[in-house]
Amino acid sequence: MKHVIALLMVPALAHAGTAFDGYEAFYASLPDTIFHGDGTELQPYALEGDDETRYGWQGVAAGRRQTLEIRDGTLKINGRVLKRNRIQPFPGEAVGETDLGMGAVAYFSPSWTCVENTPMSASGSAVRHRVVYLIKRGAKGYEAWKLPSLFAHCTSIRIKRQELLVQEASYRYAEGQDNPTGVTFREFALTKGRFTPTHVKQSITFVEPGNVYKFVLDAPVDR
């Protein structure tokens, strides 16, 4: 039964041995994703008298007019502030004032909004970590979840049988080696607002030494 469950994670458009140049290409091959394409980058602007730069976008997306603004790291959606105490981080992640700013990109679906950003302070291997906020409008305002950051991307989020699925990436190392040989993705369902492991995994293996962005898809694993 474990092997049957694991097979559900195998992308519909990719098979073991498929090569990828980048995680966006890999996520685009996954079935049942809810966000697609390059997203919409929020643009910098300033109001008269302001001593700070804001980032915003407004237009029609997912069948409705949308307005987003980031000011001092705080996100406002359609005129309503996303309060930090309404953002639930994945275990090991933390919500910070510098999460969102220059370079933030938004994605829209009829029921969800996703905003991602690589903090300007990131350098070296830290740029592999991306802030991803998954946002839903509820009866008491917006609530959100901060997803696992390593190789994170809004386009990796999936819905299957009305269950929202996200992935946690972690490096895989060969015995005695300091550099990773690949990445294992663990699947989590957003169940009653909490991250619940599904025990489904998928792994990739790097094909060039020191290059974590070129890899092949491995055969599915159960645990």
C-alpha atoms as a PDB file:
ATOM      1  CA  MET A   1       0.000   0.000   0.000  1.00  0.00           C
ATOM      2  CA  LYS A   2       2.899   2.371   0.751  1.00  0.00           C
ATOM      3  CA  HIS A   3       4.203   1.924  -2.788  1.00  0.00           C
ATOM      4  CA  VAL A   4       0.767   2.665  -4.252  1.00  0.00           C
ATOM      5  CA  ILE A   5       0.551   5.883  -2.229  1.00  0.00           C
ATOM      6  CA  ALA A   6       4.029   6.945  -3.270  1.00  0.00           C
ATOM      7  CA  LEU A   7       3.143   6.536  -6.933  1.00  0.00           C
ATOM      8  CA  LEU A   8       0.546   9.283  -6.543  1.00  0.00           C
ATOM      9  CA  MET A   9       3.394  11.755  -6.228  1.00  0.00           C
ATOM     10  CA  VAL A  10       4.894  10.932  -9.608  1.00  0.00           C
ATOM     11  CA  PRO A  11       4.248  13.817 -12.009  1.00  0.00           C
ATOM     12  CA  ALA A  12       1.796  13.111 -14.793  1.00  0.00           C
ATOM     13  CA  LEU A  13       4.108  14.716 -17.356  1.00  0.00           C
ATOM     14  CA  ALA A  14       7.430  13.406 -16.098  1.00  0.00           C
ATOM     15  CA  HIS A  15       8.858  10.004 -15.307  1.00  0.00           C
ATOM     16  CA  ALA A  16      11.886   8.677 -13.457  1.00  0.00           C
ATOM     17  CA  GLY A  17      15.001   9.725 -15.326  1.00  0.00           C
ATOM     18  CA  THR A  18      13.499  12.932 -16.700  1.00  0.00           C
ATOM     19  CA  ALA A  19      16.053  15.762 -16.604  1.00  0.00           C
ATOM     20  CA  PHE A  20      15.239  19.297 -15.440  1.00  0.00           C
ATOM     21  CA  ASP A  21      17.059  22.633 -15.581  1.00  0.00           C
ATOM     22  CA  GLY A  22      15.557  24.332 -12.539  1.00  0.00           C
ATOM     23  CA  TYR A  23      12.786  23.795 -10.043  1.00  0.00           C
ATOM     24  CA  GLU A  24      10.201  25.870 -11.909  1.00  0.00           C
ATOM     25  CA  ALA A  25      10.400  23.376 -14.781  1.00  0.00           C
ATOM     26  CA  PHE A  26      10.026  20.485 -12.352  1.00  0.00           C
ATOM     27  CA  TYR A  27       7.014  22.036 -10.628  1.00  0.00           C
ATOM     28  CA  ALA A  28       5.406  22.758 -14.000  1.00  0.00           C
ATOM     29  CA  SER A  29       5.410  19.010 -14.641  1.00  0.00           C
ATOM     30  CA  LEU A  30       3.434  18.224 -11.468  1.00  0.00           C
ATOM     31  CA  PRO A  31      -0.266  17.407 -11.800  1.00  0.00           C
ATOM     32  CA  ASP A  32      -3.078  19.334 -10.092  1.00  0.00           C
ATOM     33  CA  THR A  33      -1.103  22.548  -9.454  1.00  0.00           C
ATOM     34  CA  ILE A  34      -3.208  25.654  -8.777  1.00  0.00           C
ATOM     35  CA  PHE A  35      -0.763  28.409  -9.806  1.00  0.00           C
ATOM     36  CA  HIS A  36       0.943  28.614 -13.183  1.00  0.00           C
ATOM     37  CA  GLY A  37       3.304  30.748 -15.207  1.00  0.00           C
ATOM     38  CA  ASP A  38       5.669  33.464 -14.021  1.00  0.00           C
ATOM     39  CA  GLY A  39       3.270  35.290 -11.717  1.00  0.00           C
ATOM     40  CA  THR A  40       2.911  39.074 -11.418  1.00  0.00           C
ATOM     41  CA  GLU A  41       5.752  41.115  -9.932  1.00  0.00           C
ATOM     42  CA  LEU A  42       4.745  43.901  -7.573  1.00  0.00           C
ATOM     43  CA  GLN A  43       6.125  47.255  -8.722  1.00  0.00           C
ATOM     44  CA  PRO A  44       7.845  49.899  -6.563  1.00  0.00           C
ATOM     45  CA  TYR A  45       6.166  53.255  -6.006  1.00  0.00           C
ATOM     46  CA  ALA A  46       6.016  56.029  -3.438  1.00  0.00           C
ATOM     47  CA  LEU A  47       3.288  58.403  -2.320  1.00  0.00           C
ATOM     48  CA  GLU A  48       3.913  62.109  -1.944  1.00  0.00           C
ATOM     49  CA  GLY A  49       5.441  62.754   1.443  1.00  0.00           C
ATOM     50  CA  ASP A  50       6.523  59.141   1.896  1.00  0.00           C
ATOM     51  CA  ASP A  51      10.097  58.403   2.911  1.00  0.00           C
ATOM     52  CA  GLU A  52       9.739  54.733   2.013  1.00  0.00           C
ATOM     53  CA  THR A  53       9.165  52.652  -1.090  1.00  0.00           C
ATOM     54  CA  ARG A  54       6.040  50.564  -1.383  1.00  0.00           C
ATOM     55  CA  TYR A  55       5.451  47.660  -3.739  1.00  0.00           C
ATOM     56  CA  GLY A  56       2.085  47.050  -5.317  1.00  0.00           C
ATOM     57  CA  TRP A  57      -0.049  45.770  -8.147  1.00  0.00           C
ATOM     58  CA  GLN A  58      -3.676  46.080  -9.142  1.00  0.00           C
ATOM     59  CA  GLY A  59      -5.619  44.520 -11.970  1.00  0.00           C
ATOM     60  CA  VAL A  60      -7.941  41.661 -12.843  1.00  0.00           C
ATOM     61  CA  ALA A  61      -6.800  38.132 -11.981  1.00  0.00           C
ATOM     62  CA  ALA A  62      -8.639  34.865 -11.379  1.00  0.00           C
ATOM     63  CA  GLY A  63     -11.911  36.479 -12.438  1.00  0.00           C
ATOM     64  CA  ARG A  64     -11.885  39.422 -10.029  1.00  0.00           C
ATOM     65  CA  ARG A  65     -10.160  42.741  -9.456  1.00  0.00           C
ATOM     66  CA  GLN A  66      -7.186  42.394  -7.136  1.00  0.00           C
ATOM     67  CA  THR A  67      -5.063  44.929  -5.277  1.00  0.00           C
ATOM     68  CA  LEU A  68      -1.856  44.100  -3.402  1.00  0.00           C
ATOM     69  CA  GLU A  69       0.485  46.365  -1.488  1.00  0.00           C
ATOM     70  CA  ILE A  70       3.603  45.729   0.571  1.00  0.00           C
ATOM     71  CA  ARG A  71       4.655  48.437   3.005  1.00  0.00           C
ATOM     72  CA  ASP A  72       7.309  47.931   5.684  1.00  0.00           C
ATOM     73  CA  GLY A  73       7.105  44.205   5.000  1.00  0.00           C
ATOM     74  CA  THR A  74       3.349  44.106   5.702  1.00  0.00           C
ATOM     75  CA  LEU A  75       1.060  42.781   2.976  1.00  0.00           C
ATOM     76  CA  LYS A  76      -2.305  44.383   2.277  1.00  0.00           C
ATOM     77  CA  ILE A  77      -4.735  42.487   0.025  1.00  0.00           C
ATOM     78  CA  ASN A  78      -7.753  44.230  -1.447  1.00  0.00           C
ATOM     79  CA  GLY A  79      -7.511  46.874   1.261  1.00  0.00           C
ATOM     80  CA  ARG A  80      -7.179  44.453   4.176  1.00  0.00           C
ATOM     81  CA  VAL A  81      -3.956  43.926   6.100  1.00  0.00           C
ATOM     82  CA  LEU A  82      -2.629  40.384   6.442  1.00  0.00           C
ATOM     83  CA  LYS A  83      -1.791  40.376  10.145  1.00  0.00           C
ATOM     84  CA  ARG A  84       1.322  38.470  11.109  1.00  0.00           C
ATOM     85  CA  ASN A  85      -0.521  36.599  13.853  1.00  0.00           C
ATOM     86  CA  ARG A  86      -2.741  35.183  11.100  1.00  0.00           C
ATOM     87  CA  ILE A  87       0.244  33.611   9.344  1.00  0.00           C
ATOM     88  CA  GLN A  88       1.063  30.071  10.432  1.00  0.00           C
ATOM     89  CA  PRO A  89       4.643  29.090   9.598  1.00  0.00           C
ATOM     90  CA  PHE A  90       5.677  25.580   8.657  1.00  0.00           C
ATOM     91  CA  PRO A  91       7.672  23.970  11.507  1.00  0.00           C
ATOM     92  CA  GLY A  92      11.176  25.405  11.448  1.00  0.00           C
ATOM     93  CA  GLU A  93      10.148  28.549   9.575  1.00  0.00           C
ATOM     94  CA  ALA A  94       9.482  31.968  11.131  1.00  0.00           C
ATOM     95  CA  VAL A  95       7.462  34.976  10.010  1.00  0.00           C
ATOM     96  CA  GLY A  96       9.625  38.075   9.738  1.00  0.00           C
ATOM     97  CA  GLU A  97       9.310  41.756   8.899  1.00  0.00           C
ATOM     98  CA  THR A  98      11.787  41.391   6.026  1.00  0.00           C
ATOM     99  CA  ASP A  99      10.034  38.454   4.347  1.00  0.00           C
ATOM    100  CA  LEU A 100       8.379  40.546   1.642  1.00  0.00           C
ATOM    101  CA  GLY A 101       9.659  43.521  -0.322  1.00  0.00           C
ATOM    102  CA  MET A 102      11.468  44.239  -3.569  1.00  0.00           C
ATOM    103  CA  GLY A 103      10.973  41.477  -6.140  1.00  0.00           C
ATOM    104  CA  ALA A 104       7.813  40.016  -4.573  1.00  0.00           C
ATOM    105  CA  VAL A 105       5.685  38.069  -7.058  1.00  0.00           C
ATOM    106  CA  ALA A 106       1.974  37.234  -6.714  1.00  0.00           C
ATOM    107  CA  TYR A 107      -0.097  34.366  -8.092  1.00  0.00           C
ATOM    108  CA  PHE A 108      -3.881  34.114  -8.073  1.00  0.00           C
ATOM    109  CA  SER A 109      -6.528  31.413  -8.238  1.00  0.00           C
ATOM    110  CA  PRO A 110     -10.276  31.721  -7.554  1.00  0.00           C
ATOM    111  CA  SER A 111      -9.834  30.618  -3.924  1.00  0.00           C
ATOM    112  CA  TRP A 112      -6.195  31.323  -3.113  1.00  0.00           C
ATOM    113  CA  THR A 113      -3.477  33.950  -3.413  1.00  0.00           C
ATOM    114  CA  CYS A 114       0.231  33.176  -3.213  1.00  0.00           C
ATOM    115  CA  VAL A 115       3.027  35.700  -2.729  1.00  0.00           C
ATOM    116  CA  GLU A 116       6.690  34.752  -2.916  1.00  0.00           C
ATOM    117  CA  ASN A 117       9.920  36.660  -2.468  1.00  0.00           C
ATOM    118  CA  THR A 118      13.644  36.108  -2.096  1.00  0.00           C
ATOM    119  CA  PRO A 119      14.747  38.568   0.620  1.00  0.00           C
ATOM    120  CA  MET A 120      17.233  41.172  -0.610  1.00  0.00           C
ATOM    121  CA  SER A 121      19.608  40.217   2.208  1.00  0.00           C
ATOM    122  CA  ALA A 122      19.974  36.671   0.848  1.00  0.00           C
ATOM    123  CA  SER A 123      23.332  35.758  -0.662  1.00  0.00           C
ATOM    124  CA  GLY A 124      25.266  32.611  -1.475  1.00  0.00           C
ATOM    125  CA  SER A 125      23.317  29.428  -0.826  1.00  0.00           C
ATOM    126  CA  ALA A 126      20.670  31.473   1.036  1.00  0.00           C
ATOM    127  CA  VAL A 127      19.150  32.447  -2.324  1.00  0.00           C
ATOM    128  CA  ARG A 128      17.944  28.866  -2.591  1.00  0.00           C
ATOM    129  CA  HIS A 129      15.447  29.724   0.135  1.00  0.00           C
ATOM    130  CA  ARG A 130      12.343  31.610  -0.937  1.00  0.00           C
ATOM    131  CA  VAL A 131       9.588  33.052   1.227  1.00  0.00           C
ATOM    132  CA  VAL A 132       6.214  31.701   0.103  1.00  0.00           C
ATOM    133  CA  TYR A 133       2.953  32.847   1.670  1.00  0.00           C
ATOM    134  CA  LEU A 134      -0.182  30.895   0.765  1.00  0.00           C
ATOM    135  CA  ILE A 135      -3.213  33.057   1.555  1.00  0.00           C
ATOM    136  CA  LYS A 136      -6.935  32.437   1.863  1.00  0.00           C
ATOM    137  CA  ARG A 137      -9.738  34.815   2.676  1.00  0.00           C
ATOM    138  CA  GLY A 138     -11.812  33.637   5.632  1.00  0.00           C
ATOM    139  CA  ALA A 139     -14.804  34.893   7.593  1.00  0.00           C
ATOM    140  CA  LYS A 140     -12.513  36.845   9.948  1.00  0.00           C
ATOM    141  CA  GLY A 141     -10.189  38.233   7.297  1.00  0.00           C
ATOM    142  CA  TYR A 142      -7.194  36.761   5.559  1.00  0.00           C
ATOM    143  CA  GLU A 143      -5.223  33.890   6.977  1.00  0.00           C
ATOM    144  CA  ALA A 144      -2.002  32.544   5.582  1.00  0.00           C
ATOM    145  CA  TRP A 145       0.626  29.847   5.823  1.00  0.00           C
ATOM    146  CA  LYS A 146       4.374  30.281   5.360  1.00  0.00           C
ATOM    147  CA  LEU A 147       5.618  27.268   3.448  1.00  0.00           C
ATOM    148  CA  PRO A 148       8.958  25.429   3.693  1.00  0.00           C
ATOM    149  CA  SER A 149      11.521  27.732   2.088  1.00  0.00           C
ATOM    150  CA  LEU A 150      14.165  25.532   0.427  1.00  0.00           C
ATOM    151  CA  PHE A 151      13.552  25.710  -3.359  1.00  0.00           C
ATOM    152  CA  ALA A 152      10.028  26.914  -2.570  1.00  0.00           C
ATOM    153  CA  HIS A 153       7.736  28.205  -5.286  1.00  0.00           C
ATOM    154  CA  CYS A 154       4.040  29.036  -5.510  1.00  0.00           C
ATOM    155  CA  THR A 155       3.759  26.828  -8.588  1.00  0.00           C
ATOM    156  CA  SER A 156       4.551  23.701  -6.551  1.00  0.00           C
ATOM    157  CA  ILE A 157       1.262  23.931  -4.581  1.00  0.00           C
ATOM    158  CA  ARG A 158      -1.353  21.363  -5.595  1.00  0.00           C
ATOM    159  CA  ILE A 159      -4.967  20.456  -4.880  1.00  0.00           C
ATOM    160  CA  LYS A 160      -6.063  16.857  -5.256  1.00  0.00           C
ATOM    161  CA  ARG A 161      -9.477  15.577  -4.237  1.00  0.00           C
ATOM    162  CA  GLN A 162     -10.086  18.936  -2.494  1.00  0.00           C
ATOM    163  CA  GLU A 163      -6.932  18.430  -0.405  1.00  0.00           C
ATOM    164  CA  LEU A 164      -4.271  21.117  -0.610  1.00  0.00           C
ATOM    165  CA  LEU A 165      -0.768  19.695  -0.873  1.00  0.00           C
ATOM    166  CA  VAL A 166       2.631  21.361  -0.327  1.00  0.00           C
ATOM    167  CA  GLN A 167       6.190  20.058  -0.296  1.00  0.00           C
ATOM    168  CA  GLU A 168       9.150  20.299   2.033  1.00  0.00           C
ATOM    169  CA  ALA A 169      12.537  19.981   0.333  1.00  0.00           C
ATOM    170  CA  SER A 170      15.601  18.702   2.170  1.00  0.00           C
ATOM    171  CA  TYR A 171      19.084  17.883   0.946  1.00  0.00           C
ATOM    172  CA  ARG A 172      20.261  14.308   0.633  1.00  0.00           C
ATOM    173  CA  TYR A 173      23.910  13.433   1.275  1.00  0.00           C
ATOM    174  CA  ALA A 174      26.051  10.448   0.453  1.00  0.00           C
ATOM    175  CA  GLU A 175      27.915   8.978   3.401  1.00  0.00           C
ATOM    176  CA  GLY A 176      31.032  10.979   4.193  1.00  0.00           C
ATOM    177  CA  GLN A 177      30.218  13.757   1.702  1.00  0.00           C
ATOM    178  CA  ASP A 178      29.790  17.461   2.553  1.00  0.00           C
ATOM    179  CA  ASN A 179      27.990  18.421  -0.640  1.00  0.00           C
ATOM    180  CA  PRO A 180      24.444  17.208  -1.267  1.00  0.00           C
ATOM    181  CA  THR A 181      23.785  14.649  -3.972  1.00  0.00           C
ATOM    182  CA  GLY A 182      20.122  15.538  -4.364  1.00  0.00           C
ATOM    183  CA  VAL A 183      16.886  16.598  -2.709  1.00  0.00           C
ATOM    184  CA  THR A 184      14.003  14.677  -1.182  1.00  0.00           C
ATOM    185  CA  PHE A 185      10.525  16.222  -1.248  1.00  0.00           C
ATOM    186  CA  ARG A 186       8.111  15.283   1.537  1.00  0.00           C
ATOM    187  CA  GLU A 187       4.451  15.968   0.907  1.00  0.00           C
ATOM    188  CA  PHE A 188       2.193  17.668   3.469  1.00  0.00           C
ATOM    189  CA  ALA A 189      -1.549  18.274   3.370  1.00  0.00           C
ATOM    190  CA  LEU A 190      -3.068  21.424   4.793  1.00  0.00           C
ATOM    191  CA  THR A 191      -5.611  19.782   7.082  1.00  0.00           C
ATOM    192  CA  LYS A 192      -7.802  22.014   9.249  1.00  0.00           C
ATOM    193  CA  GLY A 193      -5.213  24.745   8.860  1.00  0.00           C
ATOM    194  CA  ARG A 194      -2.295  22.547   9.941  1.00  0.00           C
ATOM    195  CA  PHE A 195       0.510  20.847   8.041  1.00  0.00           C
ATOM    196  CA  THR A 196      -0.042  17.090   8.114  1.00  0.00           C
ATOM    197  CA  PRO A 197       2.471  14.681   6.524  1.00  0.00           C
ATOM    198  CA  THR A 198       1.021  12.343   3.911  1.00  0.00           C
ATOM    199  CA  HIS A 199       4.105  10.045   3.943  1.00  0.00           C
ATOM    200  CA  VAL A 200       4.441  10.544   0.181  1.00  0.00           C
ATOM    201  CA  LYS A 201       7.965  11.333  -1.004  1.00  0.00           C
ATOM    202  CA  GLN A 202       9.743  12.062  -4.256  1.00  0.00           C
ATOM    203  CA  SER A 203      13.444  12.617  -4.830  1.00  0.00           C
ATOM    204  CA  ILE A 204      15.761  14.165  -7.375  1.00  0.00           C
ATOM    205  CA  THR A 205      19.482  13.639  -7.984  1.00  0.00           C
ATOM    206  CA  PHE A 206      21.909  16.336  -9.108  1.00  0.00           C
ATOM    207  CA  VAL A 207      23.746  15.514 -12.344  1.00  0.00           C
ATOM    208  CA  GLU A 208      26.587  18.076 -12.170  1.00  0.00           C
ATOM    209  CA  PRO A 209      28.899  18.504  -9.153  1.00  0.00           C
ATOM    210  CA  GLY A 210      28.061  21.696  -7.280  1.00  0.00           C
ATOM    211  CA  ASN A 211      25.027  22.486  -9.452  1.00  0.00           C
ATOM    212  CA  VAL A 212      21.788  22.132  -7.466  1.00  0.00           C
ATOM    213  CA  TYR A 213      19.630  23.385 -10.343  1.00  0.00           C
ATOM    214  CA  LYS A 214      20.234  20.588 -12.837  1.00  0.00           C
ATOM    215  CA  PHE A 215      18.873  17.208 -11.842  1.00  0.00           C
ATOM    216  CA  VAL A 216      16.979  14.076 -12.797  1.00  0.00           C
ATOM    217  CA  LEU A 217      13.803  12.714 -11.266  1.00  0.00           C
ATOM    218  CA  ASP A 218      14.317   9.509  -9.300  1.00  0.00           C
ATOM    219  CA  ALA A 219      12.014   6.535  -9.077  1.00  0.00           C
ATOM    220  CA  PRO A 220       9.365   7.047  -6.365  1.00  0.00           C
ATOM    221  CA  VAL A 221      10.129   6.112  -2.770  1.00  0.00           C
ATOM    222  CA  ASP A 222       7.714   5.263   0.022  1.00  0.00           C
ATOM    223  CA  ARG A 223       9.447   6.683   3.123  1.00  0.00           C
END
